C-alpha atoms as a PDB file:
ATOM      1  CA  MET A   1      -0.070  -0.097   0.024  1.00  0.00           C
ATOM      2  CA  SER A   2       1.239   3.598  -0.921  1.00  0.00           C
ATOM      3  CA  ALA A   3       2.034   6.050   1.995  1.00  0.00           C
ATOM      4  CA  ILE A   4      -0.907   7.920   3.519  1.00  0.00           C
ATOM      5  CA  LYS A   5      -1.047  11.406   2.496  1.00  0.00           C
ATOM      6  CA  THR A   6      -1.109  13.378   5.577  1.00  0.00           C
ATOM      7  CA  ALA A   7      -1.361  16.984   6.926  1.00  0.00           C
ATOM      8  CA  VAL A   8      -0.845  18.781  10.222  1.00  0.00           C
ATOM      9  CA  ILE A   9      -3.182  21.596  11.133  1.00  0.00           C
ATOM     10  CA  GLY A  10      -1.508  23.936  13.842  1.00  0.00           C
ATOM     11  CA  VAL A  11       2.333  23.687  14.086  1.00  0.00           C
ATOM     12  CA  GLY A  12       2.925  25.416  17.371  1.00  0.00           C
ATOM     13  CA  SER A  13       4.794  23.803  20.261  1.00  0.00           C
ATOM     14  CA  LEU A  14       3.140  20.416  19.846  1.00  0.00           C
ATOM     15  CA  GLY A  15       1.987  20.370  16.121  1.00  0.00           C
ATOM     16  CA  GLN A  16       5.632  20.979  14.938  1.00  0.00           C
ATOM     17  CA  HIS A  17       6.609  17.666  16.453  1.00  0.00           C
ATOM     18  CA  HIS A  18       3.633  15.824  14.714  1.00  0.00           C
ATOM     19  CA  ALA A  19       4.984  17.282  11.390  1.00  0.00           C
ATOM     20  CA  ARG A  20       8.414  16.294  12.098  1.00  0.00           C
ATOM     21  CA  ILE A  21       7.342  12.761  12.870  1.00  0.00           C
ATOM     22  CA  LEU A  22       4.955  12.191   9.876  1.00  0.00           C
ATOM     23  CA  ALA A  23       7.666  13.800   7.565  1.00  0.00           C
ATOM     24  CA  SER A  24       9.856  10.798   8.203  1.00  0.00           C
ATOM     25  CA  HIS A  25       7.381   7.884   9.052  1.00  0.00           C
ATOM     26  CA  PRO A  26       7.351   5.498   6.421  1.00  0.00           C
ATOM     27  CA  LYS A  27       3.575   4.924   6.146  1.00  0.00           C
ATOM     28  CA  SER A  28       3.103   8.767   5.887  1.00  0.00           C
ATOM     29  CA  GLU A  29       3.582  11.299   3.103  1.00  0.00           C
ATOM     30  CA  LEU A  30       3.414  14.553   4.775  1.00  0.00           C
ATOM     31  CA  LEU A  31       2.053  16.869   2.130  1.00  0.00           C
ATOM     32  CA  PHE A  32       1.074  20.005   4.018  1.00  0.00           C
ATOM     33  CA  VAL A  33       1.170  22.008   7.169  1.00  0.00           C
ATOM     34  CA  VAL A  34      -1.410  24.606   8.035  1.00  0.00           C
ATOM     35  CA  ASP A  35      -1.162  27.604  10.261  1.00  0.00           C
ATOM     36  CA  SER A  36      -2.691  30.924  10.703  1.00  0.00           C
ATOM     37  CA  ASP A  37       1.065  32.278  11.386  1.00  0.00           C
ATOM     38  CA  LYS A  38       2.539  32.367   7.823  1.00  0.00           C
ATOM     39  CA  LYS A  39       6.010  32.876   8.951  1.00  0.00           C
ATOM     40  CA  ARG A  40       5.881  29.930  11.439  1.00  0.00           C
ATOM     41  CA  GLY A  41       3.948  27.680   8.938  1.00  0.00           C
ATOM     42  CA  GLU A  42       6.519  28.310   6.242  1.00  0.00           C
ATOM     43  CA  LYS A  43       9.448  27.506   8.474  1.00  0.00           C
ATOM     44  CA  ILE A  44       7.903  24.251   9.684  1.00  0.00           C
ATOM     45  CA  ALA A  45       7.022  23.317   6.182  1.00  0.00           C
ATOM     46  CA  LYS A  46      10.589  23.860   4.917  1.00  0.00           C
ATOM     47  CA  SER A  47      12.089  21.783   7.829  1.00  0.00           C
ATOM     48  CA  ALA A  48       9.558  18.949   7.075  1.00  0.00           C
ATOM     49  CA  GLY A  49       9.864  19.066   3.274  1.00  0.00           C
ATOM     50  CA  CYS A  50       6.389  19.798   2.542  1.00  0.00           C
ATOM     51  CA  GLY A  51       3.944  22.471   1.402  1.00  0.00           C
ATOM     52  CA  TYR A  52       2.285  25.277   3.581  1.00  0.00           C
ATOM     53  CA  ILE A  53      -1.181  26.647   3.348  1.00  0.00           C
ATOM     54  CA  ASP A  54      -3.183  28.909   5.605  1.00  0.00           C
ATOM     55  CA  ASN A  55      -6.705  27.544   4.972  1.00  0.00           C
ATOM     56  CA  PHE A  56      -7.431  23.890   6.241  1.00  0.00           C
ATOM     57  CA  MET A  57     -10.408  23.687   3.699  1.00  0.00           C
ATOM     58  CA  ASP A  58      -7.875  23.447   0.928  1.00  0.00           C
ATOM     59  CA  LEU A  59      -6.824  19.996   2.380  1.00  0.00           C
ATOM     60  CA  ILE A  60      -9.991  18.503   1.103  1.00  0.00           C
ATOM     61  CA  GLY A  61      -9.344  16.279  -1.928  1.00  0.00           C
ATOM     62  CA  LYS A  62      -5.844  16.379  -1.368  1.00  0.00           C
ATOM     63  CA  VAL A  63      -4.994  14.446   1.765  1.00  0.00           C
ATOM     64  CA  ASP A  64      -6.122  11.190   3.386  1.00  0.00           C
ATOM     65  CA  ALA A  65      -5.491  12.091   6.996  1.00  0.00           C
ATOM     66  CA  ALA A  66      -4.884  15.142   9.199  1.00  0.00           C
ATOM     67  CA  VAL A  67      -3.786  15.955  12.673  1.00  0.00           C
ATOM     68  CA  VAL A  68      -5.819  18.743  14.440  1.00  0.00           C
ATOM     69  CA  SER A  69      -3.363  20.425  16.758  1.00  0.00           C
ATOM     70  CA  VAL A  70      -4.840  23.983  17.210  1.00  0.00           C
ATOM     71  CA  PRO A  71      -6.305  25.582  20.394  1.00  0.00           C
ATOM     72  CA  THR A  72      -9.275  23.411  21.936  1.00  0.00           C
ATOM     73  CA  GLU A  73     -11.972  25.880  21.057  1.00  0.00           C
ATOM     74  CA  TYR A  74     -11.239  25.080  17.278  1.00  0.00           C
ATOM     75  CA  HIS A  75     -11.220  21.365  17.285  1.00  0.00           C
ATOM     76  CA  TYR A  76     -14.639  20.890  16.563  1.00  0.00           C
ATOM     77  CA  GLN A  77     -14.970  23.538  13.832  1.00  0.00           C
ATOM     78  CA  ILE A  78     -12.032  22.091  11.954  1.00  0.00           C
ATOM     79  CA  ALA A  79     -12.517  18.343  12.459  1.00  0.00           C
ATOM     80  CA  LYS A  80     -16.189  18.414  11.442  1.00  0.00           C
ATOM     81  CA  PRO A  81     -15.856  19.379   7.864  1.00  0.00           C
ATOM     82  CA  LEU A  82     -12.662  17.402   7.486  1.00  0.00           C
ATOM     83  CA  LEU A  83     -14.507  14.216   8.585  1.00  0.00           C
ATOM     84  CA  GLU A  84     -17.545  15.287   6.529  1.00  0.00           C
ATOM     85  CA  ASN A  85     -15.193  15.132   3.457  1.00  0.00           C
ATOM     86  CA  GLY A  86     -13.654  11.861   4.142  1.00  0.00           C
ATOM     87  CA  ILE A  87     -10.383  12.769   5.935  1.00  0.00           C
ATOM     88  CA  HIS A  88      -9.292  10.746   8.932  1.00  0.00           C
ATOM     89  CA  CYS A  89      -8.499  12.758  11.942  1.00  0.00           C
ATOM     90  CA  LEU A  90      -6.348  12.621  15.052  1.00  0.00           C
ATOM     91  CA  VAL A  91      -7.666  15.364  17.222  1.00  0.00           C
ATOM     92  CA  GLU A  92      -5.368  16.719  20.022  1.00  0.00           C
ATOM     93  CA  LYS A  93      -6.614  16.567  23.542  1.00  0.00           C
ATOM     94  CA  PRO A  94      -8.715  17.725  25.167  1.00  0.00           C
ATOM     95  CA  PHE A  95     -10.946  16.427  22.398  1.00  0.00           C
ATOM     96  CA  THR A  96     -13.615  19.071  22.404  1.00  0.00           C
ATOM     97  CA  LEU A  97     -15.015  21.696  24.977  1.00  0.00           C
ATOM     98  CA  SER A  98     -18.437  19.884  25.016  1.00  0.00           C
ATOM     99  CA  VAL A  99     -19.516  16.345  25.229  1.00  0.00           C
ATOM    100  CA  GLU A 100     -22.194  17.250  22.420  1.00  0.00           C
ATOM    101  CA  ASP A 101     -19.380  18.348  19.956  1.00  0.00           C
ATOM    102  CA  ALA A 102     -17.638  15.193  20.878  1.00  0.00           C
ATOM    103  CA  GLN A 103     -20.379  13.004  20.110  1.00  0.00           C
ATOM    104  CA  GLU A 104     -21.121  14.597  16.948  1.00  0.00           C
ATOM    105  CA  LEU A 105     -17.692  14.090  15.737  1.00  0.00           C
ATOM    106  CA  ILE A 106     -17.868  10.427  16.828  1.00  0.00           C
ATOM    107  CA  GLU A 107     -21.086   9.974  14.921  1.00  0.00           C
ATOM    108  CA  THR A 108     -19.752  11.512  11.759  1.00  0.00           C
ATOM    109  CA  ALA A 109     -16.572   9.600  11.683  1.00  0.00           C
ATOM    110  CA  LYS A 110     -18.835   6.399  12.126  1.00  0.00           C
ATOM    111  CA  GLU A 111     -21.236   7.547   9.206  1.00  0.00           C
ATOM    112  CA  LYS A 112     -18.088   8.020   6.992  1.00  0.00           C
ATOM    113  CA  ASN A 113     -16.283   4.933   8.099  1.00  0.00           C
ATOM    114  CA  LEU A 114     -13.285   7.045   9.101  1.00  0.00           C
ATOM    115  CA  ILE A 115     -10.588   6.817  11.963  1.00  0.00           C
ATOM    116  CA  LEU A 116     -11.001   9.342  14.685  1.00  0.00           C
ATOM    117  CA  GLN A 117      -8.320   9.176  17.295  1.00  0.00           C
ATOM    118  CA  VAL A 118      -7.759  11.565  20.378  1.00  0.00           C
ATOM    119  CA  GLY A 119      -4.337  12.785  21.276  1.00  0.00           C
ATOM    120  CA  HIS A 120      -3.956  11.355  24.784  1.00  0.00           C
ATOM    121  CA  VAL A 121      -0.311  10.885  24.212  1.00  0.00           C
ATOM    122  CA  GLU A 122       0.568   9.593  27.801  1.00  0.00           C
ATOM    123  CA  ARG A 123      -1.311   6.265  26.695  1.00  0.00           C
ATOM    124  CA  PHE A 124       1.654   5.738  24.482  1.00  0.00           C
ATOM    125  CA  ASN A 125       4.309   6.337  27.119  1.00  0.00           C
ATOM    126  CA  PRO A 126       6.438   3.250  27.266  1.00  0.00           C
ATOM    127  CA  ALA A 127       6.261   3.100  31.134  1.00  0.00           C
ATOM    128  CA  VAL A 128       2.468   3.110  30.808  1.00  0.00           C
ATOM    129  CA  ILE A 129       2.240   0.569  28.135  1.00  0.00           C
ATOM    130  CA  ALA A 130       4.607  -1.770  30.051  1.00  0.00           C
ATOM    131  CA  ALA A 131       2.780  -1.336  33.487  1.00  0.00           C
ATOM    132  CA  ILE A 132      -0.627  -2.303  32.118  1.00  0.00           C
ATOM    133  CA  PRO A 133      -0.128  -6.159  32.203  1.00  0.00           C
ATOM    134  CA  TYR A 134       0.899  -5.865  35.964  1.00  0.00           C
ATOM    135  CA  VAL A 135      -2.234  -3.936  36.854  1.00  0.00           C
ATOM    136  CA  ASP A 136      -4.863  -6.308  38.146  1.00  0.00           C
ATOM    137  CA  ASN A 137      -6.937  -5.012  40.971  1.00  0.00           C
ATOM    138  CA  PRO A 138      -6.071  -1.350  42.081  1.00  0.00           C
ATOM    139  CA  ARG A 139      -7.490  -0.321  45.539  1.00  0.00           C
ATOM    140  CA  PHE A 140      -5.742   3.128  45.775  1.00  0.00           C
ATOM    141  CA  ILE A 141      -4.034   5.319  43.022  1.00  0.00           C
ATOM    142  CA  GLU A 142      -2.181   8.435  43.466  1.00  0.00           C
ATOM    143  CA  VAL A 143      -1.284  10.727  40.657  1.00  0.00           C
ATOM    144  CA  ASN A 144       0.736  13.942  40.566  1.00  0.00           C
ATOM    145  CA  ARG A 145       1.307  16.090  37.676  1.00  0.00           C
ATOM    146  CA  LEU A 146       3.144  19.458  38.259  1.00  0.00           C
ATOM    147  CA  GLY A 147       4.824  21.809  35.949  1.00  0.00           C
ATOM    148  CA  PRO A 148       5.770  25.387  35.226  1.00  0.00           C
ATOM    149  CA  TYR A 149       3.125  27.836  34.088  1.00  0.00           C
ATOM    150  CA  ASP A 150       2.584  28.349  30.513  1.00  0.00           C
ATOM    151  CA  ALA A 151       0.406  31.262  29.423  1.00  0.00           C
ATOM    152  CA  ARG A 152      -0.563  29.464  26.164  1.00  0.00           C
ATOM    153  CA  THR A 153      -2.879  27.417  28.056  1.00  0.00           C
ATOM    154  CA  ALA A 154      -4.047  29.643  30.763  1.00  0.00           C
ATOM    155  CA  HIS A 155      -7.416  29.831  29.112  1.00  0.00           C
ATOM    156  CA  ILE A 156      -8.385  26.331  29.912  1.00  0.00           C
ATOM    157  CA  GLY A 157      -6.842  25.607  33.322  1.00  0.00           C
ATOM    158  CA  VAL A 158      -5.130  22.531  34.645  1.00  0.00           C
ATOM    159  CA  VAL A 159      -7.977  20.111  34.618  1.00  0.00           C
ATOM    160  CA  LEU A 160      -8.548  20.283  30.830  1.00  0.00           C
ATOM    161  CA  ASP A 161      -4.927  20.916  30.052  1.00  0.00           C
ATOM    162  CA  LEU A 162      -3.033  18.539  32.435  1.00  0.00           C
ATOM    163  CA  MET A 163      -5.415  16.456  34.493  1.00  0.00           C
ATOM    164  CA  ILE A 164      -7.110  15.174  31.605  1.00  0.00           C
ATOM    165  CA  HIS A 165      -4.150  13.099  30.857  1.00  0.00           C
ATOM    166  CA  ASP A 166      -4.624  11.269  34.080  1.00  0.00           C
ATOM    167  CA  ILE A 167      -8.325  10.928  33.936  1.00  0.00           C
ATOM    168  CA  ASP A 168      -7.877   9.134  30.547  1.00  0.00           C
ATOM    169  CA  ILE A 169      -5.177   6.847  32.048  1.00  0.00           C
ATOM    170  CA  LEU A 170      -7.317   6.158  35.077  1.00  0.00           C
ATOM    171  CA  PHE A 171     -10.195   4.872  32.751  1.00  0.00           C
ATOM    172  CA  SER A 172      -7.816   2.309  31.173  1.00  0.00           C
ATOM    173  CA  LEU A 173      -6.693   1.262  34.710  1.00  0.00           C
ATOM    174  CA  VAL A 174      -9.937   0.931  36.706  1.00  0.00           C
ATOM    175  CA  LYS A 175     -12.484  -0.926  34.801  1.00  0.00           C
ATOM    176  CA  HIS A 176     -15.441   0.507  36.853  1.00  0.00           C
ATOM    177  CA  LYS A 177     -17.590   3.487  36.964  1.00  0.00           C
ATOM    178  CA  VAL A 178     -16.811   6.598  39.118  1.00  0.00           C
ATOM    179  CA  VAL A 179     -19.546   6.816  41.474  1.00  0.00           C
ATOM    180  CA  SER A 180     -18.640  10.081  43.376  1.00  0.00           C
ATOM    181  CA  PHE A 181     -15.790  12.605  43.531  1.00  0.00           C
ATOM    182  CA  GLU A 182     -14.376  15.679  45.382  1.00  0.00           C
ATOM    183  CA  ALA A 183     -12.726  18.415  43.666  1.00  0.00           C
ATOM    184  CA  TYR A 184     -10.844  21.358  45.056  1.00  0.00           C
ATOM    185  CA  GLY A 185      -9.044  24.168  42.966  1.00  0.00           C
ATOM    186  CA  ALA A 186      -7.165  27.518  43.386  1.00  0.00           C
ATOM    187  CA  LYS A 187      -6.580  30.438  41.043  1.00  0.00           C
ATOM    188  CA  ILE A 188      -3.150  31.815  41.363  1.00  0.00           C
ATOM    189  CA  LEU A 189      -1.581  33.077  38.291  1.00  0.00           C
ATOM    190  CA  SER A 190      -4.580  33.049  35.915  1.00  0.00           C
ATOM    191  CA  GLU A 191      -8.502  33.333  35.852  1.00  0.00           C
ATOM    192  CA  THR A 192      -8.667  29.719  35.540  1.00  0.00           C
ATOM    193  CA  GLU A 193      -7.791  27.024  38.014  1.00  0.00           C
ATOM    194  CA  ASP A 194      -4.008  26.821  38.396  1.00  0.00           C
ATOM    195  CA  ILE A 195      -3.882  24.054  41.015  1.00  0.00           C
ATOM    196  CA  ALA A 196      -6.510  21.067  41.294  1.00  0.00           C
ATOM    197  CA  LYS A 197      -7.008  18.170  43.619  1.00  0.00           C
ATOM    198  CA  VAL A 198      -9.631  15.612  42.844  1.00  0.00           C
ATOM    199  CA  ARG A 199     -10.587  12.356  44.717  1.00  0.00           C
ATOM    200  CA  LEU A 200     -12.489   9.964  42.529  1.00  0.00           C
ATOM    201  CA  LYS A 201     -14.366   6.939  43.936  1.00  0.00           C
ATOM    202  CA  TYR A 202     -15.040   3.893  42.006  1.00  0.00           C
ATOM    203  CA  ALA A 203     -17.960   1.460  42.194  1.00  0.00           C
ATOM    204  CA  ASN A 204     -15.539  -1.429  43.119  1.00  0.00           C
ATOM    205  CA  GLY A 205     -14.164   0.626  45.958  1.00  0.00           C
ATOM    206  CA  CYS A 206     -11.047   1.901  44.505  1.00  0.00           C
ATOM    207  CA  VAL A 207     -10.036   5.482  45.290  1.00  0.00           C
ATOM    208  CA  ALA A 208      -7.879   7.786  43.138  1.00  0.00           C
ATOM    209  CA  ASP A 209      -6.319  11.067  44.332  1.00  0.00           C
ATOM    210  CA  ILE A 210      -5.151  13.323  41.285  1.00  0.00           C
ATOM    211  CA  SER A 211      -3.211  16.495  41.757  1.00  0.00           C
ATOM    212  CA  ALA A 212      -2.370  18.906  38.863  1.00  0.00           C
ATOM    213  CA  SER A 213      -0.586  22.202  39.357  1.00  0.00           C
ATOM    214  CA  ARG A 214       1.138  24.606  36.942  1.00  0.00           C
ATOM    215  CA  VAL A 215       2.567  26.578  39.851  1.00  0.00           C
ATOM    216  CA  SER A 216       5.898  24.524  39.981  1.00  0.00           C
ATOM    217  CA  MET A 217       9.386  25.275  38.753  1.00  0.00           C
ATOM    218  CA  GLU A 218      10.051  21.525  37.953  1.00  0.00           C
ATOM    219  CA  LYS A 219       8.061  18.974  36.100  1.00  0.00           C
ATOM    220  CA  TYR A 220       6.945  16.100  38.326  1.00  0.00           C
ATOM    221  CA  ARG A 221       4.646  13.513  36.788  1.00  0.00           C
ATOM    222  CA  LYS A 222       4.165  10.174  38.449  1.00  0.00           C
ATOM    223  CA  ILE A 223       1.436   7.725  39.021  1.00  0.00           C
ATOM    224  CA  ARG A 224       1.539   5.059  41.938  1.00  0.00           C
ATOM    225  CA  ILE A 225      -0.879   2.093  41.977  1.00  0.00           C
ATOM    226  CA  PHE A 226      -1.392   0.192  45.209  1.00  0.00           C
ATOM    227  CA  GLU A 227      -2.954  -3.353  45.006  1.00  0.00           C
ATOM    228  CA  PRO A 228      -3.413  -6.163  47.600  1.00  0.00           C
ATOM    229  CA  SER A 229      -0.263  -7.901  46.408  1.00  0.00           C
ATOM    230  CA  ALA A 230       1.671  -5.240  44.479  1.00  0.00           C
ATOM    231  CA  TYR A 231       2.832  -1.586  44.378  1.00  0.00           C
ATOM    232  CA  ILE A 232       3.524  -0.087  40.696  1.00  0.00           C
ATOM    233  CA  SER A 233       5.394   2.889  40.378  1.00  0.00           C
ATOM    234  CA  ILE A 234       5.359   4.997  37.032  1.00  0.00           C
ATOM    235  CA  ASP A 235       7.443   7.992  36.413  1.00  0.00           C
ATOM    236  CA  TYR A 236       5.752   9.632  33.250  1.00  0.00           C
ATOM    237  CA  ALA A 237       8.569  12.110  32.508  1.00  0.00           C
ATOM    238  CA  GLY A 238      11.434   9.863  33.199  1.00  0.00           C
ATOM    239  CA  LYS A 239       9.693   6.961  31.323  1.00  0.00           C
ATOM    240  CA  SER A 240      10.603   4.639  34.121  1.00  0.00           C
ATOM    241  CA  LEU A 241       8.721   1.861  35.775  1.00  0.00           C
ATOM    242  CA  LYS A 242       9.026  -0.340  38.983  1.00  0.00           C
ATOM    243  CA  ILE A 243       6.979  -3.009  40.086  1.00  0.00           C
ATOM    244  CA  TYR A 244       7.110  -4.328  43.769  1.00  0.00           C
ATOM    245  CA  LYS A 245       5.356  -7.650  44.399  1.00  0.00           C
ATOM    246  CA  LYS A 246       5.155 -10.329  47.107  1.00  0.00           C
ATOM    247  CA  LYS A 247       7.194 -13.273  46.209  1.00  0.00           C
ATOM    248  CA  GLY A 248       5.482 -16.656  45.374  1.00  0.00           C
ATOM    249  CA  GLY A 249       1.978 -15.428  46.506  1.00  0.00           C
ATOM    250  CA  LYS A 250       2.938 -14.815  50.141  1.00  0.00           C
ATOM    251  CA  GLU A 251       0.371 -13.645  52.370  1.00  0.00           C
ATOM    252  CA  LYS A 252       2.568 -11.909  54.943  1.00  0.00           C
ATOM    253  CA  ILE A 253       5.814  -9.941  54.295  1.00  0.00           C
ATOM    254  CA  LYS A 254       8.510 -10.782  56.860  1.00  0.00           C
ATOM    255  CA  SER A 255      11.322  -8.805  55.354  1.00  0.00           C
ATOM    256  CA  LEU A 256      12.354  -7.049  52.093  1.00  0.00           C
ATOM    257  CA  PHE A 257      13.586 -10.542  50.804  1.00  0.00           C
ATOM    258  CA  ASP A 258       9.946 -11.433  50.537  1.00  0.00           C
ATOM    259  CA  ILE A 259       9.449  -8.660  47.828  1.00  0.00           C
ATOM    260  CA  GLU A 260      10.344  -9.063  44.154  1.00  0.00           C
ATOM    261  CA  ILE A 261      11.294  -5.820  42.295  1.00  0.00           C
ATOM    262  CA  ILE A 262      10.676  -5.711  38.589  1.00  0.00           C
ATOM    263  CA  LYS A 263      12.279  -3.079  36.496  1.00  0.00           C
ATOM    264  CA  PRO A 264      11.167  -3.842  32.888  1.00  0.00           C
ATOM    265  CA  LYS A 265      13.452  -2.587  30.099  1.00  0.00           C
ATOM    266  CA  LEU A 266      11.536   0.168  28.143  1.00  0.00           C
ATOM    267  CA  PRO A 267      12.038   1.237  24.419  1.00  0.00           C
ATOM    268  CA  SER A 268      13.486   4.574  23.852  1.00  0.00           C
ATOM    269  CA  GLN A 269      11.103   5.865  21.069  1.00  0.00           C
ATOM    270  CA  GLU A 270       9.230   8.879  21.896  1.00  0.00           C
ATOM    271  CA  PRO A 271       5.413   8.536  22.872  1.00  0.00           C
ATOM    272  CA  LEU A 272       4.254  10.768  19.967  1.00  0.00           C
ATOM    273  CA  PHE A 273       5.841   8.347  17.465  1.00  0.00           C
ATOM    274  CA  TYR A 274       3.809   5.416  18.988  1.00  0.00           C
ATOM    275  CA  GLU A 275       0.662   7.636  19.017  1.00  0.00           C
ATOM    276  CA  LEU A 276       0.994   8.566  15.240  1.00  0.00           C
ATOM    277  CA  ASP A 277       2.093   5.084  14.294  1.00  0.00           C
ATOM    278  CA  ASN A 278      -1.171   3.733  15.882  1.00  0.00           C
ATOM    279  CA  PHE A 279      -3.177   6.383  13.943  1.00  0.00           C
ATOM    280  CA  LEU A 280      -1.462   5.391  10.611  1.00  0.00           C
ATOM    281  CA  ASN A 281      -1.892   1.608  11.411  1.00  0.00           C
ATOM    282  CA  SER A 282      -5.537   2.103  12.361  1.00  0.00           C
ATOM    283  CA  ILE A 283      -6.277   3.750   9.019  1.00  0.00           C
ATOM    284  CA  VAL A 284      -4.335   0.962   6.992  1.00  0.00           C
ATOM    285  CA  GLU A 285      -6.013  -1.796   8.895  1.00  0.00           C
ATOM    286  CA  GLY A 286      -9.355  -0.248   9.409  1.00  0.00           C
ATOM    287  CA  LYS A 287      -9.185  -1.000  13.262  1.00  0.00           C
ATOM    288  CA  LYS A 288     -10.227   1.267  16.040  1.00  0.00           C
ATOM    289  CA  PRO A 289      -7.306   3.172  17.368  1.00  0.00           C
ATOM    290  CA  PHE A 290      -5.896   2.811  20.868  1.00  0.00           C
ATOM    291  CA  VAL A 291      -7.519   5.958  22.030  1.00  0.00           C
ATOM    292  CA  SER A 292     -10.845   6.349  20.287  1.00  0.00           C
ATOM    293  CA  GLY A 293     -13.178   9.408  19.964  1.00  0.00           C
ATOM    294  CA  GLU A 294     -15.459   7.693  22.653  1.00  0.00           C
ATOM    295  CA  GLN A 295     -12.479   7.452  25.128  1.00  0.00           C
ATOM    296  CA  GLY A 296     -11.668  11.220  24.416  1.00  0.00           C
ATOM    297  CA  ARG A 297     -15.397  12.029  24.947  1.00  0.00           C
ATOM    298  CA  ASP A 298     -15.528  10.156  28.241  1.00  0.00           C
ATOM    299  CA  ALA A 299     -12.454  12.083  29.645  1.00  0.00           C
ATOM    300  CA  VAL A 300     -13.969  15.317  28.467  1.00  0.00           C
ATOM    301  CA  GLU A 301     -17.252  14.388  30.220  1.00  0.00           C
ATOM    302  CA  LEU A 302     -15.604  13.580  33.581  1.00  0.00           C
ATOM    303  CA  ALA A 303     -13.261  16.886  33.324  1.00  0.00           C
ATOM    304  CA  LEU A 304     -16.269  19.131  32.691  1.00  0.00           C
ATOM    305  CA  GLU A 305     -18.103  17.518  35.644  1.00  0.00           C
ATOM    306  CA  ILE A 306     -15.123  18.055  37.894  1.00  0.00           C
ATOM    307  CA  LEU A 307     -14.811  21.647  36.813  1.00  0.00           C
ATOM    308  CA  LYS A 308     -18.765  22.164  37.381  1.00  0.00           C
ATOM    309  CA  ASN A 309     -18.408  20.865  40.899  1.00  0.00           C
ATOM    310  CA  MET A 310     -15.117  22.239  41.939  1.00  0.00           C
ATOM    311  CA  ILE A 311     -14.711  24.009  45.274  1.00  0.00           C
ATOM    312  CA  PHE A 312     -12.556  27.221  45.182  1.00  0.00           C
END
């Protein structure tokens, strides 16, 4: 099969990396980048060896697939006409700003028999992928995602910008419904929440504490999973994984010698490559992507409920 003709819409801090990877991926022929900033668009197009256009509608009839990496408020209005005109879409997270818009995109993709993927790139973090087989019965999960302030995302706050990654990850770890939650936030540097702490309670009794902050000088992104017979520690940023398990199914731990420590060797490829590779393979094989539109919608739905009920 010939390479898939692709385009990237929005080549800012993240979109430029989508373009870089698609320009070199063997299953992709990157034809265009699209950006409202002509100078930036032409610069990225030159480095990626493709064309530049300023109107995404000009892609119709010219490409098979597109990555939508623009500010969230434009996701729906760009993805909808692309899907209506037969273009597979990978839409960056958060998927949309409403559940209704998300559902409409999902239905359009189904009607047109197209791949619709949502850019929850942490799902493709090698440490997360390697941890999944070891996760059996989580009872308590603690997540911390902290980083420095970035004015580019001040308009949506940390729940939709940062915490939504972990909301999505938790859906993949805990196979039960959220039955209740408590949410607290604080506005420090912007008009939206800059710090948020949420406790989720699941139908099976599992509890997850999630913290997100952009009032930090350093990036700290870790998740710890506690089970009856194991403790799993994932460092998102460092792409490292450690599993602590009871040896031989022992009920009681008498010393550290009764604990087995597993440190899986992880591949070094960047998560964004795996995400785009999954998108392209889904198109070729006609299979549902690893992070579907439905999963992106569910993450948005819970994030919006958290914001609606957040105590400041």
